[in-house]
Amino acid sequence: AGHSLLLLPDYIQIVRYFEATRQRCCRLEQDGRRAREQLARVEAERTALEVKLKHARNQVEVEMKKRHRAEAELEKQDRKLQLVFEALMREPWGSGVLSGEQRSVLSALAGRRLGAALAPGRRSSAVDESCQSLLSHSDISYDRTEDDVVRS
């Protein structure tokens, strides 16, 4: 009995150590649960953002197609206008029917229309490039192996 009394402080120390270890395990389990909940929230946000990104890309593509169609129509109309203008200026009766002032006004209008047709072409190519870069460079493929590494 005296021998076991000598070892009692050792038992108390061991029990305290086990209790501290048990409490640490409980804290780690709570931390793990909080981390899993946070991961689930972040994954839900990521999924929602991916849906928004896909929708935005589709909208950009639709708007680019509309703009290309409108620009093609504008170019077609500009070509028609240019042909009409050239025909008016070339016809012998045009010089008799149109006064010098009318011819210069037509000439100025045709020049302005052609200039306006060229300027947006330069601008739209810059817009095309930026939109294309938006569509191509932001097309980030999500690597699922990162999830596997995190979860393992």
N, C-alpha and C. Protein backbone atom coordinates (compact mmCIF):
# COMPACT_ATOMS: atom_id res chain seq x y z
N ALA A 1 0.83 -1.20 0.00
CA ALA A 1 0.00 0.00 0.00
C ALA A 1 0.86 1.25 0.00
N GLY A 2 1.98 1.25 0.73
CA GLY A 2 2.88 2.39 0.76
C GLY A 2 3.53 2.63 -0.56
N HIS A 3 3.78 1.54 -1.27
CA HIS A 3 4.41 1.64 -2.59
C HIS A 3 3.48 2.35 -3.57
N SER A 4 2.18 2.01 -3.56
CA SER A 4 1.24 2.63 -4.48
C SER A 4 1.01 4.09 -4.14
N LEU A 5 1.17 4.48 -2.87
CA LEU A 5 1.02 5.87 -2.49
C LEU A 5 2.14 6.72 -3.07
N LEU A 6 3.31 6.14 -3.18
CA LEU A 6 4.43 6.86 -3.76
C LEU A 6 4.18 7.19 -5.24
N LEU A 7 3.44 6.30 -5.93
CA LEU A 7 3.22 6.50 -7.37
C LEU A 7 1.97 7.33 -7.69
N LEU A 8 1.19 7.69 -6.68
CA LEU A 8 -0.03 8.45 -6.90
C LEU A 8 0.21 9.77 -7.64
N PRO A 9 1.24 10.56 -7.31
CA PRO A 9 1.47 11.77 -8.09
C PRO A 9 1.73 11.48 -9.57
N ASP A 10 2.39 10.35 -9.84
CA ASP A 10 2.61 9.97 -11.25
C ASP A 10 1.29 9.70 -11.95
N TYR A 11 0.36 9.02 -11.28
CA TYR A 11 -0.96 8.74 -11.88
C TYR A 11 -1.72 10.04 -12.13
N ILE A 12 -1.65 10.93 -11.16
CA ILE A 12 -2.34 12.22 -11.33
C ILE A 12 -1.76 12.97 -12.54
N GLN A 13 -0.43 12.93 -12.66
CA GLN A 13 0.23 13.59 -13.80
C GLN A 13 -0.22 12.97 -15.12
N ILE A 14 -0.32 11.63 -15.15
CA ILE A 14 -0.73 10.94 -16.38
C ILE A 14 -2.19 11.29 -16.72
N VAL A 15 -3.05 11.31 -15.70
CA VAL A 15 -4.46 11.65 -15.93
C VAL A 15 -4.57 13.08 -16.46
N ARG A 16 -3.80 14.00 -15.89
CA ARG A 16 -3.82 15.40 -16.36
C ARG A 16 -3.34 15.47 -17.82
N TYR A 17 -2.31 14.69 -18.13
CA TYR A 17 -1.79 14.68 -19.51
C TYR A 17 -2.86 14.17 -20.48
N PHE A 18 -3.52 13.06 -20.09
CA PHE A 18 -4.57 12.50 -20.96
C PHE A 18 -5.73 13.49 -21.12
N GLU A 19 -6.08 14.19 -20.04
CA GLU A 19 -7.18 15.17 -20.12
C GLU A 19 -6.79 16.32 -21.05
N ALA A 20 -5.55 16.80 -20.91
CA ALA A 20 -5.09 17.88 -21.80
C ALA A 20 -5.09 17.41 -23.25
N THR A 21 -4.66 16.15 -23.47
CA THR A 21 -4.65 15.58 -24.83
C THR A 21 -6.07 15.46 -25.37
N ARG A 22 -7.01 15.02 -24.52
CA ARG A 22 -8.40 14.88 -24.95
C ARG A 22 -8.98 16.25 -25.34
N GLN A 23 -8.69 17.27 -24.53
CA GLN A 23 -9.19 18.62 -24.83
C GLN A 23 -8.58 19.15 -26.14
N ARG A 24 -7.29 18.87 -26.34
CA ARG A 24 -6.64 19.30 -27.59
C ARG A 24 -7.29 18.61 -28.78
N CYS A 25 -7.60 17.33 -28.65
CA CYS A 25 -8.27 16.59 -29.74
C CYS A 25 -9.65 17.19 -30.03
N CYS A 26 -10.37 17.56 -28.96
CA CYS A 26 -11.70 18.17 -29.16
C CYS A 26 -11.58 19.50 -29.91
N ARG A 27 -10.56 20.30 -29.51
CA ARG A 27 -10.36 21.58 -30.21
C ARG A 27 -10.01 21.36 -31.67
N LEU A 28 -9.13 20.38 -31.92
CA LEU A 28 -8.75 20.09 -33.31
C LEU A 28 -9.95 19.61 -34.12
N GLU A 29 -10.80 18.82 -33.50
CA GLU A 29 -12.01 18.34 -34.20
C GLU A 29 -12.93 19.51 -34.53
N GLN A 30 -13.09 20.44 -33.59
CA GLN A 30 -13.92 21.62 -33.85
C GLN A 30 -13.31 22.47 -34.96
N ASP A 31 -11.99 22.65 -34.90
CA ASP A 31 -11.30 23.42 -35.95
C ASP A 31 -11.51 22.76 -37.31
N GLY A 32 -11.39 21.42 -37.35
CA GLY A 32 -11.60 20.69 -38.60
C GLY A 32 -13.01 20.87 -39.12
N ARG A 33 -13.99 20.83 -38.20
CA ARG A 33 -15.39 21.00 -38.63
C ARG A 33 -15.60 22.42 -39.18
N ARG A 34 -15.05 23.43 -38.49
CA ARG A 34 -15.17 24.81 -38.98
C ARG A 34 -14.49 24.96 -40.35
N ALA A 35 -13.33 24.34 -40.51
CA ALA A 35 -12.60 24.43 -41.78
C ALA A 35 -13.41 23.77 -42.90
N ARG A 36 -14.04 22.62 -42.62
CA ARG A 36 -14.87 21.95 -43.64
C ARG A 36 -16.07 22.80 -44.02
N GLU A 37 -16.69 23.45 -43.00
CA GLU A 37 -17.83 24.33 -43.29
C GLU A 37 -17.39 25.52 -44.14
N GLN A 38 -16.24 26.10 -43.80
CA GLN A 38 -15.72 27.24 -44.58
C GLN A 38 -15.40 26.79 -46.01
N LEU A 39 -14.80 25.62 -46.16
CA LEU A 39 -14.49 25.09 -47.48
C LEU A 39 -15.77 24.91 -48.30
N ALA A 40 -16.82 24.39 -47.67
CA ALA A 40 -18.10 24.20 -48.38
C ALA A 40 -18.65 25.54 -48.84
N ARG A 41 -18.55 26.59 -47.97
CA ARG A 41 -19.04 27.92 -48.36
C ARG A 41 -18.24 28.47 -49.52
N VAL A 42 -16.92 28.33 -49.45
CA VAL A 42 -16.06 28.86 -50.51
C VAL A 42 -16.32 28.12 -51.83
N GLU A 43 -16.51 26.80 -51.76
CA GLU A 43 -16.80 26.05 -52.99
C GLU A 43 -18.14 26.46 -53.59
N ALA A 44 -19.12 26.74 -52.73
CA ALA A 44 -20.43 27.20 -53.24
C ALA A 44 -20.27 28.57 -53.92
N GLU A 45 -19.49 29.46 -53.31
CA GLU A 45 -19.24 30.78 -53.92
C GLU A 45 -18.51 30.62 -55.25
N ARG A 46 -17.51 29.72 -55.28
CA ARG A 46 -16.76 29.50 -56.52
C ARG A 46 -17.68 29.00 -57.62
N THR A 47 -18.56 28.07 -57.28
CA THR A 47 -19.49 27.54 -58.27
C THR A 47 -20.41 28.64 -58.79
N ALA A 48 -20.90 29.48 -57.88
CA ALA A 48 -21.77 30.59 -58.31
C ALA A 48 -21.00 31.55 -59.21
N LEU A 49 -19.74 31.84 -58.87
CA LEU A 49 -18.94 32.74 -59.71
C LEU A 49 -18.65 32.12 -61.07
N GLU A 50 -18.43 30.81 -61.11
CA GLU A 50 -18.20 30.15 -62.41
C GLU A 50 -19.43 30.25 -63.30
N VAL A 51 -20.62 30.12 -62.69
CA VAL A 51 -21.86 30.26 -63.46
C VAL A 51 -21.98 31.68 -64.01
N LYS A 52 -21.66 32.69 -63.15
CA LYS A 52 -21.73 34.08 -63.60
C LYS A 52 -20.72 34.33 -64.72
N LEU A 53 -19.51 33.77 -64.58
CA LEU A 53 -18.49 33.95 -65.61
C LEU A 53 -18.93 33.34 -66.94
N LYS A 54 -19.50 32.15 -66.87
CA LYS A 54 -19.98 31.49 -68.10
C LYS A 54 -21.07 32.34 -68.76
N HIS A 55 -21.98 32.87 -67.94
CA HIS A 55 -23.06 33.71 -68.47
C HIS A 55 -22.48 34.98 -69.11
N ALA A 56 -21.50 35.59 -68.43
CA ALA A 56 -20.88 36.81 -68.97
C ALA A 56 -20.16 36.53 -70.28
N ARG A 57 -19.46 35.39 -70.37
CA ARG A 57 -18.78 35.03 -71.62
C ARG A 57 -19.79 34.84 -72.75
N ASN A 58 -20.90 34.19 -72.43
CA ASN A 58 -21.94 33.99 -73.46
C ASN A 58 -22.49 35.33 -73.92
N GLN A 59 -22.73 36.25 -72.97
CA GLN A 59 -23.25 37.57 -73.34
C GLN A 59 -22.25 38.32 -74.23
N VAL A 60 -20.97 38.26 -73.87
CA VAL A 60 -19.95 38.93 -74.68
C VAL A 60 -19.94 38.35 -76.09
N GLU A 61 -20.02 37.03 -76.19
CA GLU A 61 -20.01 36.39 -77.51
C GLU A 61 -21.21 36.80 -78.34
N VAL A 62 -22.40 36.83 -77.71
CA VAL A 62 -23.62 37.24 -78.43
C VAL A 62 -23.50 38.68 -78.90
N GLU A 63 -23.02 39.57 -78.01
CA GLU A 63 -22.89 40.98 -78.38
C GLU A 63 -21.85 41.17 -79.49
N MET A 64 -20.77 40.40 -79.44
CA MET A 64 -19.77 40.51 -80.50
C MET A 64 -20.35 40.08 -81.85
N LYS A 65 -21.15 39.02 -81.85
CA LYS A 65 -21.77 38.56 -83.10
C LYS A 65 -22.73 39.62 -83.63
N LYS A 66 -23.51 40.22 -82.72
CA LYS A 66 -24.44 41.28 -83.15
C LYS A 66 -23.67 42.45 -83.76
N ARG A 67 -22.58 42.84 -83.08
CA ARG A 67 -21.81 43.97 -83.58
C ARG A 67 -21.18 43.66 -84.94
N HIS A 68 -20.68 42.43 -85.11
CA HIS A 68 -20.08 42.05 -86.39
C HIS A 68 -21.12 42.11 -87.51
N ARG A 69 -22.35 41.63 -87.20
CA ARG A 69 -23.41 41.70 -88.21
C ARG A 69 -23.74 43.14 -88.55
N ALA A 70 -23.83 44.00 -87.52
CA ALA A 70 -24.15 45.42 -87.76
C ALA A 70 -23.03 46.09 -88.56
N GLU A 71 -21.77 45.77 -88.24
CA GLU A 71 -20.65 46.36 -88.98
C GLU A 71 -20.64 45.89 -90.43
N ALA A 72 -20.96 44.60 -90.65
CA ALA A 72 -21.00 44.08 -92.02
C ALA A 72 -22.10 44.80 -92.81
N GLU A 73 -23.25 45.01 -92.17
CA GLU A 73 -24.35 45.72 -92.84
C GLU A 73 -23.95 47.17 -93.14
N LEU A 74 -23.27 47.81 -92.18
CA LEU A 74 -22.82 49.18 -92.39
C LEU A 74 -21.83 49.26 -93.56
N GLU A 75 -20.91 48.31 -93.61
CA GLU A 75 -19.95 48.30 -94.72
C GLU A 75 -20.65 48.11 -96.05
N LYS A 76 -21.66 47.23 -96.06
CA LYS A 76 -22.42 47.00 -97.30
C LYS A 76 -23.12 48.28 -97.74
N GLN A 77 -23.75 48.98 -96.78
CA GLN A 77 -24.44 50.23 -97.10
C GLN A 77 -23.44 51.30 -97.56
N ASP A 78 -22.27 51.34 -96.93
CA ASP A 78 -21.25 52.31 -97.34
C ASP A 78 -20.76 52.04 -98.77
N ARG A 79 -20.62 50.75 -99.10
CA ARG A 79 -20.21 50.41 -100.47
C ARG A 79 -21.26 50.86 -101.48
N LYS A 80 -22.53 50.63 -101.13
CA LYS A 80 -23.62 51.07 -102.02
C LYS A 80 -23.58 52.58 -102.20
N LEU A 81 -23.41 53.30 -101.08
CA LEU A 81 -23.36 54.75 -101.14
C LEU A 81 -22.20 55.22 -102.00
N GLN A 82 -21.06 54.56 -101.83
CA GLN A 82 -19.88 54.93 -102.62
C GLN A 82 -20.14 54.69 -104.10
N LEU A 83 -20.77 53.57 -104.43
CA LEU A 83 -21.08 53.27 -105.84
C LEU A 83 -22.02 54.32 -106.42
N VAL A 84 -23.05 54.69 -105.63
CA VAL A 84 -24.00 55.72 -106.10
C VAL A 84 -23.25 57.03 -106.31
N PHE A 85 -22.41 57.39 -105.36
CA PHE A 85 -21.65 58.63 -105.47
C PHE A 85 -20.75 58.62 -106.71
N GLU A 86 -20.03 57.51 -106.91
CA GLU A 86 -19.14 57.41 -108.06
C GLU A 86 -19.93 57.48 -109.36
N ALA A 87 -21.10 56.82 -109.38
CA ALA A 87 -21.93 56.86 -110.58
C ALA A 87 -22.41 58.28 -110.86
N LEU A 88 -22.83 58.99 -109.83
CA LEU A 88 -23.29 60.38 -109.99
C LEU A 88 -22.17 61.26 -110.53
N MET A 89 -20.98 61.09 -110.01
CA MET A 89 -19.88 61.95 -110.41
C MET A 89 -19.36 61.59 -111.81
N ARG A 90 -19.56 60.30 -112.20
CA ARG A 90 -19.02 59.85 -113.48
C ARG A 90 -19.96 60.18 -114.65
N GLU A 91 -21.27 60.15 -114.39
CA GLU A 91 -22.24 60.35 -115.47
C GLU A 91 -22.11 61.75 -116.06
N PRO A 92 -22.15 61.83 -117.40
CA PRO A 92 -22.05 63.17 -118.03
C PRO A 92 -23.20 64.07 -117.64
N TRP A 93 -24.41 63.49 -117.48
CA TRP A 93 -25.55 64.35 -117.12
C TRP A 93 -25.42 64.88 -115.71
N GLY A 94 -24.59 64.18 -114.85
CA GLY A 94 -24.44 64.61 -113.46
C GLY A 94 -23.88 66.00 -113.37
N SER A 95 -22.94 66.31 -114.24
CA SER A 95 -22.34 67.64 -114.15
C SER A 95 -23.34 68.71 -114.55
N GLY A 96 -24.29 68.36 -115.46
CA GLY A 96 -25.30 69.34 -115.86
C GLY A 96 -26.39 69.48 -114.82
N VAL A 97 -26.75 68.35 -114.18
CA VAL A 97 -27.85 68.37 -113.22
C VAL A 97 -27.38 68.92 -111.88
N LEU A 98 -26.18 68.50 -111.47
CA LEU A 98 -25.67 68.91 -110.16
C LEU A 98 -24.81 70.16 -110.30
N SER A 99 -25.05 71.10 -109.43
CA SER A 99 -24.22 72.30 -109.42
C SER A 99 -22.87 71.97 -108.78
N GLY A 100 -21.91 72.85 -108.93
CA GLY A 100 -20.60 72.65 -108.31
C GLY A 100 -20.72 72.52 -106.81
N GLU A 101 -21.61 73.32 -106.23
CA GLU A 101 -21.79 73.27 -104.78
C GLU A 101 -22.36 71.92 -104.35
N GLN A 102 -23.34 71.42 -105.12
CA GLN A 102 -23.93 70.11 -104.80
C GLN A 102 -22.88 69.00 -104.91
N ARG A 103 -22.06 69.09 -105.98
CA ARG A 103 -21.01 68.08 -106.13
C ARG A 103 -20.02 68.12 -104.97
N SER A 104 -19.65 69.31 -104.52
CA SER A 104 -18.69 69.41 -103.41
C SER A 104 -19.32 68.91 -102.12
N VAL A 105 -20.64 69.18 -101.94
CA VAL A 105 -21.33 68.67 -100.75
C VAL A 105 -21.36 67.15 -100.79
N LEU A 106 -21.71 66.58 -101.95
CA LEU A 106 -21.71 65.12 -102.09
C LEU A 106 -20.33 64.54 -101.84
N SER A 107 -19.33 65.20 -102.38
CA SER A 107 -17.96 64.75 -102.21
C SER A 107 -17.57 64.76 -100.74
N ALA A 108 -17.94 65.84 -100.05
CA ALA A 108 -17.62 65.95 -98.62
C ALA A 108 -18.36 64.88 -97.83
N LEU A 109 -19.65 64.67 -98.17
CA LEU A 109 -20.43 63.64 -97.47
C LEU A 109 -19.84 62.25 -97.70
N ALA A 110 -19.48 61.97 -98.94
CA ALA A 110 -18.91 60.66 -99.24
C ALA A 110 -17.60 60.48 -98.50
N GLY A 111 -16.77 61.53 -98.49
CA GLY A 111 -15.50 61.45 -97.77
C GLY A 111 -15.71 61.23 -96.29
N ARG A 112 -16.71 61.93 -95.72
CA ARG A 112 -16.99 61.79 -94.29
C ARG A 112 -17.51 60.40 -93.98
N ARG A 113 -18.39 59.89 -94.85
CA ARG A 113 -18.94 58.54 -94.62
C ARG A 113 -17.83 57.50 -94.68
N LEU A 114 -16.93 57.66 -95.66
CA LEU A 114 -15.84 56.69 -95.77
C LEU A 114 -14.90 56.81 -94.58
N GLY A 115 -14.64 58.04 -94.16
CA GLY A 115 -13.78 58.24 -92.99
C GLY A 115 -14.43 57.64 -91.75
N ALA A 116 -15.76 57.84 -91.60
CA ALA A 116 -16.47 57.29 -90.45
C ALA A 116 -16.49 55.77 -90.52
N ALA A 117 -16.55 55.25 -91.75
CA ALA A 117 -16.56 53.79 -91.89
C ALA A 117 -15.20 53.20 -91.53
N LEU A 118 -14.13 53.95 -91.85
CA LEU A 118 -12.79 53.44 -91.54
C LEU A 118 -12.45 53.56 -90.07
N ALA A 119 -12.82 54.67 -89.44
CA ALA A 119 -12.46 54.89 -88.03
C ALA A 119 -13.04 53.83 -87.12
N PRO A 120 -14.36 53.52 -87.22
CA PRO A 120 -14.86 52.45 -86.35
C PRO A 120 -14.19 51.12 -86.63
N GLY A 121 -13.78 50.90 -87.88
CA GLY A 121 -13.08 49.65 -88.20
C GLY A 121 -11.81 49.52 -87.40
N ARG A 122 -11.09 50.64 -87.27
CA ARG A 122 -9.86 50.60 -86.47
C ARG A 122 -10.21 50.39 -85.01
N ARG A 123 -11.24 51.10 -84.56
CA ARG A 123 -11.62 50.97 -83.16
C ARG A 123 -12.16 49.58 -82.87
N SER A 124 -12.99 49.06 -83.78
CA SER A 124 -13.59 47.75 -83.51
C SER A 124 -12.55 46.65 -83.51
N SER A 125 -11.48 46.80 -84.30
CA SER A 125 -10.45 45.77 -84.25
C SER A 125 -9.77 45.77 -82.90
N ALA A 126 -9.60 46.95 -82.30
CA ALA A 126 -9.02 47.01 -80.96
C ALA A 126 -9.98 46.39 -79.95
N VAL A 127 -11.28 46.68 -80.13
CA VAL A 127 -12.28 46.08 -79.25
C VAL A 127 -12.29 44.58 -79.44
N ASP A 128 -12.22 44.14 -80.72
CA ASP A 128 -12.17 42.70 -80.99
C ASP A 128 -11.03 42.05 -80.24
N GLU A 129 -9.84 42.66 -80.34
CA GLU A 129 -8.67 42.07 -79.70
C GLU A 129 -8.87 41.97 -78.20
N SER A 130 -9.42 43.04 -77.58
CA SER A 130 -9.59 43.00 -76.13
C SER A 130 -10.66 41.98 -75.75
N CYS A 131 -11.73 41.90 -76.55
CA CYS A 131 -12.77 40.91 -76.25
C CYS A 131 -12.25 39.50 -76.46
N GLN A 132 -11.48 39.31 -77.54
CA GLN A 132 -10.92 37.98 -77.77
C GLN A 132 -9.99 37.59 -76.64
N SER A 133 -9.18 38.57 -76.16
CA SER A 133 -8.28 38.24 -75.07
C SER A 133 -9.08 37.93 -73.81
N LEU A 134 -10.20 38.64 -73.62
CA LEU A 134 -11.04 38.36 -72.47
C LEU A 134 -11.58 36.95 -72.56
N LEU A 135 -12.02 36.57 -73.75
CA LEU A 135 -12.60 35.24 -73.91
C LEU A 135 -11.54 34.16 -73.82
N SER A 136 -10.37 34.40 -74.40
CA SER A 136 -9.38 33.32 -74.45
C SER A 136 -8.55 33.25 -73.18
N HIS A 137 -8.00 34.40 -72.72
CA HIS A 137 -7.09 34.35 -71.58
C HIS A 137 -7.82 34.09 -70.27
N SER A 138 -9.10 34.47 -70.18
CA SER A 138 -9.81 34.23 -68.93
C SER A 138 -10.44 32.85 -68.92
N ASP A 139 -10.21 32.10 -69.97
CA ASP A 139 -10.77 30.75 -70.04
C ASP A 139 -9.89 29.83 -69.20
N ILE A 140 -9.91 30.04 -67.90
CA ILE A 140 -9.04 29.29 -67.00
C ILE A 140 -9.67 27.94 -66.74
N SER A 141 -8.91 26.90 -66.98
CA SER A 141 -9.44 25.58 -66.68
C SER A 141 -9.10 25.27 -65.23
N TYR A 142 -10.12 24.93 -64.46
CA TYR A 142 -9.94 24.68 -63.05
C TYR A 142 -9.36 23.29 -62.87
N ASP A 143 -8.28 23.22 -62.14
CA ASP A 143 -7.57 21.96 -61.96
C ASP A 143 -8.10 21.25 -60.72
N ARG A 144 -8.79 20.14 -60.92
CA ARG A 144 -9.39 19.41 -59.81
C ARG A 144 -8.34 18.75 -58.91
N THR A 145 -7.12 18.58 -59.40
CA THR A 145 -6.10 17.91 -58.59
C THR A 145 -5.79 18.75 -57.36
N GLU A 146 -5.99 20.08 -57.43
CA GLU A 146 -5.78 20.90 -56.25
C GLU A 146 -6.74 20.52 -55.15
N ASP A 147 -8.01 20.21 -55.49
CA ASP A 147 -8.97 19.75 -54.49
C ASP A 147 -8.51 18.45 -53.86
N ASP A 148 -8.02 17.54 -54.71
CA ASP A 148 -7.59 16.23 -54.21
C ASP A 148 -6.45 16.39 -53.20
N VAL A 149 -5.54 17.31 -53.49
CA VAL A 149 -4.39 17.53 -52.60
C VAL A 149 -4.89 18.09 -51.28
N VAL A 150 -5.86 19.03 -51.34
CA VAL A 150 -6.36 19.65 -50.12
C VAL A 150 -7.10 18.64 -49.26
N ARG A 151 -7.86 17.77 -49.91
CA ARG A 151 -8.71 16.84 -49.16
C ARG A 151 -7.96 15.63 -48.66
N SER A 152 -6.81 15.31 -49.25
CA SER A 152 -6.12 14.09 -48.84
C SER A 152 -5.32 14.28 -47.57
